[in-house]
């Protein structure tokens, strides 16, 4: 089943807020080998002008993953997760994510392309803080492989 082209332009409902935890930031920093002390040490982060530890820039994928689950669950979307590979990931950041942030995210499908038997879906997750200010937009392109 090919990816449903009517998904293009679909905006999903915002999810429950994601509260950024200090230990989650530290775990993520360790996982991606981000060794800057502001990612691990509260005092280093505060000395640098932040309220708490600062998440590495790619931490936004943690929030984005929750929104992408909505896309993958669309019953008539034509997306077979067993055939999905991650094609591209980008971020447009306004400010760093910091432990203690309450983040609100919603996803929009911005493009669908068909390349032979394969489809490429680009989805943007806009992430805002509790005051409604933009924090980061995470842009993912998923490739859905066609039949072998």
C-alpha atoms as a PDB file:
ATOM      1  CA  UNK A   1       0.000   0.000   0.000  1.00  0.00           C
ATOM      2  CA  UNK A   2       1.555   3.370  -0.963  1.00  0.00           C
ATOM      3  CA  UNK A   3       1.697   6.277   1.472  1.00  0.00           C
ATOM      4  CA  UNK A   4      -1.558   8.204   1.433  1.00  0.00           C
ATOM      5  CA  UNK A   5      -0.805  11.530  -0.351  1.00  0.00           C
ATOM      6  CA  UNK A   6      -3.696  13.149   1.530  1.00  0.00           C
ATOM      7  CA  UNK A   7      -1.493  13.175   4.633  1.00  0.00           C
ATOM      8  CA  UNK A   8       0.394  16.148   3.150  1.00  0.00           C
ATOM      9  CA  UNK A   9      -0.613  19.275   5.055  1.00  0.00           C
ATOM     10  CA  UNK A  10      -2.174  17.313   7.909  1.00  0.00           C
ATOM     11  CA  UNK A  11      -1.586  18.935  11.295  1.00  0.00           C
ATOM     12  CA  UNK A  12      -1.915  16.619  14.271  1.00  0.00           C
ATOM     13  CA  UNK A  13      -3.392  17.702  17.580  1.00  0.00           C
ATOM     14  CA  UNK A  14      -0.867  18.843  20.165  1.00  0.00           C
ATOM     15  CA  UNK A  15       0.175  16.207  22.667  1.00  0.00           C
ATOM     16  CA  UNK A  16       0.277  16.429  26.413  1.00  0.00           C
ATOM     17  CA  UNK A  17       3.225  18.577  27.484  1.00  0.00           C
ATOM     18  CA  UNK A  18       6.631  16.998  27.938  1.00  0.00           C
ATOM     19  CA  UNK A  19       8.415  17.996  31.140  1.00  0.00           C
ATOM     20  CA  UNK A  20      12.166  17.934  30.549  1.00  0.00           C
ATOM     21  CA  UNK A  21      13.879  16.105  33.382  1.00  0.00           C
ATOM     22  CA  UNK A  22      17.423  16.722  34.529  1.00  0.00           C
ATOM     23  CA  UNK A  23      18.320  13.031  34.459  1.00  0.00           C
ATOM     24  CA  UNK A  24      16.826  12.616  30.971  1.00  0.00           C
ATOM     25  CA  UNK A  25      19.092  15.422  29.757  1.00  0.00           C
ATOM     26  CA  UNK A  26      22.111  13.807  31.401  1.00  0.00           C
ATOM     27  CA  UNK A  27      21.238  10.360  29.993  1.00  0.00           C
ATOM     28  CA  UNK A  28      20.797  11.790  26.501  1.00  0.00           C
ATOM     29  CA  UNK A  29      24.051  13.765  26.749  1.00  0.00           C
ATOM     30  CA  UNK A  30      25.912  10.621  27.761  1.00  0.00           C
ATOM     31  CA  UNK A  31      24.295   8.624  24.957  1.00  0.00           C
ATOM     32  CA  UNK A  32      25.427  11.121  22.296  1.00  0.00           C
ATOM     33  CA  UNK A  33      28.844  11.748  23.898  1.00  0.00           C
ATOM     34  CA  UNK A  34      28.054  15.408  24.636  1.00  0.00           C
ATOM     35  CA  UNK A  35      30.739  16.172  27.201  1.00  0.00           C
ATOM     36  CA  UNK A  36      30.260  19.902  27.731  1.00  0.00           C
ATOM     37  CA  UNK A  37      29.700  20.354  31.496  1.00  0.00           C
ATOM     38  CA  UNK A  38      26.531  22.426  30.903  1.00  0.00           C
ATOM     39  CA  UNK A  39      24.820  19.191  29.808  1.00  0.00           C
ATOM     40  CA  UNK A  40      25.733  17.323  32.977  1.00  0.00           C
ATOM     41  CA  UNK A  41      26.426  19.716  35.838  1.00  0.00           C
ATOM     42  CA  UNK A  42      23.820  22.127  37.225  1.00  0.00           C
ATOM     43  CA  UNK A  43      26.443  24.521  38.589  1.00  0.00           C
ATOM     44  CA  UNK A  44      28.264  24.681  35.241  1.00  0.00           C
ATOM     45  CA  UNK A  45      24.960  25.374  33.487  1.00  0.00           C
ATOM     46  CA  UNK A  46      24.051  28.101  35.979  1.00  0.00           C
ATOM     47  CA  UNK A  47      27.495  29.659  35.637  1.00  0.00           C
ATOM     48  CA  UNK A  48      26.818  29.811  31.888  1.00  0.00           C
ATOM     49  CA  UNK A  49      23.520  31.637  32.508  1.00  0.00           C
ATOM     50  CA  UNK A  50      21.018  28.775  32.366  1.00  0.00           C
ATOM     51  CA  UNK A  51      18.499  27.761  35.030  1.00  0.00           C
ATOM     52  CA  UNK A  52      19.476  24.086  34.882  1.00  0.00           C
ATOM     53  CA  UNK A  53      21.348  21.582  32.716  1.00  0.00           C
ATOM     54  CA  UNK A  54      21.112  22.268  28.989  1.00  0.00           C
ATOM     55  CA  UNK A  55      20.044  19.522  26.616  1.00  0.00           C
ATOM     56  CA  UNK A  56      22.251  18.796  23.604  1.00  0.00           C
ATOM     57  CA  UNK A  57      20.725  20.281  20.420  1.00  0.00           C
ATOM     58  CA  UNK A  58      19.503  16.908  19.162  1.00  0.00           C
ATOM     59  CA  UNK A  59      17.467  16.264  22.338  1.00  0.00           C
ATOM     60  CA  UNK A  60      14.433  17.557  20.445  1.00  0.00           C
ATOM     61  CA  UNK A  61      14.139  14.095  18.847  1.00  0.00           C
ATOM     62  CA  UNK A  62      12.885  12.830  22.211  1.00  0.00           C
ATOM     63  CA  UNK A  63       9.903  15.164  21.942  1.00  0.00           C
ATOM     64  CA  UNK A  64       9.538  14.648  18.199  1.00  0.00           C
ATOM     65  CA  UNK A  65       9.356  10.876  18.538  1.00  0.00           C
ATOM     66  CA  UNK A  66       6.090  11.247  20.429  1.00  0.00           C
ATOM     67  CA  UNK A  67       4.557  13.287  17.609  1.00  0.00           C
ATOM     68  CA  UNK A  68       5.830  10.951  14.900  1.00  0.00           C
ATOM     69  CA  UNK A  69       4.014   8.115  16.667  1.00  0.00           C
ATOM     70  CA  UNK A  70       0.765   9.899  15.773  1.00  0.00           C
ATOM     71  CA  UNK A  71       1.707   9.877  12.091  1.00  0.00           C
ATOM     72  CA  UNK A  72       2.740   6.235  12.125  1.00  0.00           C
ATOM     73  CA  UNK A  73      -0.577   5.282  13.753  1.00  0.00           C
ATOM     74  CA  UNK A  74      -2.828   6.766  11.037  1.00  0.00           C
ATOM     75  CA  UNK A  75      -4.919   3.749   9.961  1.00  0.00           C
ATOM     76  CA  UNK A  76      -5.120   4.618   6.255  1.00  0.00           C
ATOM     77  CA  UNK A  77      -1.726   6.337   6.081  1.00  0.00           C
ATOM     78  CA  UNK A  78      -0.036   3.538   4.187  1.00  0.00           C
ATOM     79  CA  UNK A  79       3.024   3.666   6.420  1.00  0.00           C
ATOM     80  CA  UNK A  80       4.350   0.206   7.237  1.00  0.00           C
ATOM     81  CA  UNK A  81       6.794   0.896  10.071  1.00  0.00           C
ATOM     82  CA  UNK A  82       8.740  -2.269   9.262  1.00  0.00           C
ATOM     83  CA  UNK A  83       9.675  -0.607   5.962  1.00  0.00           C
ATOM     84  CA  UNK A  84      10.616   2.825   7.376  1.00  0.00           C
ATOM     85  CA  UNK A  85      14.162   4.148   7.458  1.00  0.00           C
ATOM     86  CA  UNK A  86      15.218   7.547   8.725  1.00  0.00           C
ATOM     87  CA  UNK A  87      16.295   9.650   5.751  1.00  0.00           C
ATOM     88  CA  UNK A  88      17.139  13.037   7.264  1.00  0.00           C
ATOM     89  CA  UNK A  89      16.946  15.025  10.499  1.00  0.00           C
ATOM     90  CA  UNK A  90      17.311  18.779  10.936  1.00  0.00           C
ATOM     91  CA  UNK A  91      16.605  21.348  13.644  1.00  0.00           C
ATOM     92  CA  UNK A  92      15.706  25.051  13.641  1.00  0.00           C
ATOM     93  CA  UNK A  93      16.427  26.233  17.153  1.00  0.00           C
ATOM     94  CA  UNK A  94      15.418  29.480  18.829  1.00  0.00           C
ATOM     95  CA  UNK A  95      16.865  28.610  22.224  1.00  0.00           C
ATOM     96  CA  UNK A  96      18.286  25.549  23.979  1.00  0.00           C
ATOM     97  CA  UNK A  97      16.065  23.087  25.817  1.00  0.00           C
ATOM     98  CA  UNK A  98      16.762  23.236  29.557  1.00  0.00           C
ATOM     99  CA  UNK A  99      15.788  20.827  32.331  1.00  0.00           C
ATOM    100  CA  UNK A 100      12.534  22.048  33.831  1.00  0.00           C
ATOM    101  CA  UNK A 101      11.078  23.184  30.501  1.00  0.00           C
ATOM    102  CA  UNK A 102       7.493  22.178  29.864  1.00  0.00           C
ATOM    103  CA  UNK A 103       7.336  21.611  26.118  1.00  0.00           C
ATOM    104  CA  UNK A 104       4.298  21.485  23.860  1.00  0.00           C
ATOM    105  CA  UNK A 105       4.646  19.892  20.440  1.00  0.00           C
ATOM    106  CA  UNK A 106       2.565  19.376  17.332  1.00  0.00           C
ATOM    107  CA  UNK A 107       3.410  17.759  14.033  1.00  0.00           C
ATOM    108  CA  UNK A 108       2.623  18.783  10.479  1.00  0.00           C
ATOM    109  CA  UNK A 109       3.271  16.656   7.413  1.00  0.00           C
ATOM    110  CA  UNK A 110       4.927  19.140   5.060  1.00  0.00           C
ATOM    111  CA  UNK A 111       5.826  16.969   2.073  1.00  0.00           C
ATOM    112  CA  UNK A 112       5.263  13.572   0.528  1.00  0.00           C
ATOM    113  CA  UNK A 113       7.246  12.442  -2.509  1.00  0.00           C
ATOM    114  CA  UNK A 114       7.063   9.212  -4.428  1.00  0.00           C
ATOM    115  CA  UNK A 115      10.306   7.923  -5.888  1.00  0.00           C
ATOM    116  CA  UNK A 116       9.622   4.739  -7.800  1.00  0.00           C
ATOM    117  CA  UNK A 117       8.252   2.233  -5.310  1.00  0.00           C
ATOM    118  CA  UNK A 118       9.425   4.334  -2.353  1.00  0.00           C
ATOM    119  CA  UNK A 119       7.877   7.291  -0.537  1.00  0.00           C
ATOM    120  CA  UNK A 120       9.507  10.101   1.402  1.00  0.00           C
ATOM    121  CA  UNK A 121       7.517  11.866   4.117  1.00  0.00           C
ATOM    122  CA  UNK A 122       8.783  15.098   5.641  1.00  0.00           C
ATOM    123  CA  UNK A 123       7.237  16.033   8.972  1.00  0.00           C
ATOM    124  CA  UNK A 124       7.921  19.070  11.117  1.00  0.00           C
ATOM    125  CA  UNK A 125       7.428  19.069  14.863  1.00  0.00           C
ATOM    126  CA  UNK A 126       7.108  22.571  16.271  1.00  0.00           C
ATOM    127  CA  UNK A 127       8.053  22.710  19.943  1.00  0.00           C
ATOM    128  CA  UNK A 128       7.035  25.616  22.174  1.00  0.00           C
ATOM    129  CA  UNK A 129       7.517  26.323  25.856  1.00  0.00           C
ATOM    130  CA  UNK A 130       4.782  26.944  28.433  1.00  0.00           C
ATOM    131  CA  UNK A 131       4.621  30.632  27.484  1.00  0.00           C
ATOM    132  CA  UNK A 132       3.988  29.738  23.826  1.00  0.00           C
ATOM    133  CA  UNK A 133       7.442  30.792  22.659  1.00  0.00           C
ATOM    134  CA  UNK A 134       9.139  28.772  19.939  1.00  0.00           C
ATOM    135  CA  UNK A 135      12.003  26.598  21.199  1.00  0.00           C
ATOM    136  CA  UNK A 136      12.848  24.305  18.287  1.00  0.00           C
ATOM    137  CA  UNK A 137      11.380  22.813  15.153  1.00  0.00           C
ATOM    138  CA  UNK A 138      12.538  19.270  14.444  1.00  0.00           C
ATOM    139  CA  UNK A 139      12.276  18.255  10.783  1.00  0.00           C
ATOM    140  CA  UNK A 140      12.406  14.557   9.945  1.00  0.00           C
ATOM    141  CA  UNK A 141      12.266  12.834   6.587  1.00  0.00           C
ATOM    142  CA  UNK A 142      11.173   9.229   6.706  1.00  0.00           C
ATOM    143  CA  UNK A 143      11.650   6.893   3.763  1.00  0.00           C
ATOM    144  CA  UNK A 144       9.050   4.188   3.351  1.00  0.00           C
ATOM    145  CA  UNK A 145      10.569   1.465   1.221  1.00  0.00           C
ATOM    146  CA  UNK A 146       8.300  -0.002  -1.423  1.00  0.00           C
ATOM    147  CA  UNK A 147       7.815  -3.651  -2.202  1.00  0.00           C
ATOM    148  CA  UNK A 148      10.975  -5.631  -2.827  1.00  0.00           C
END
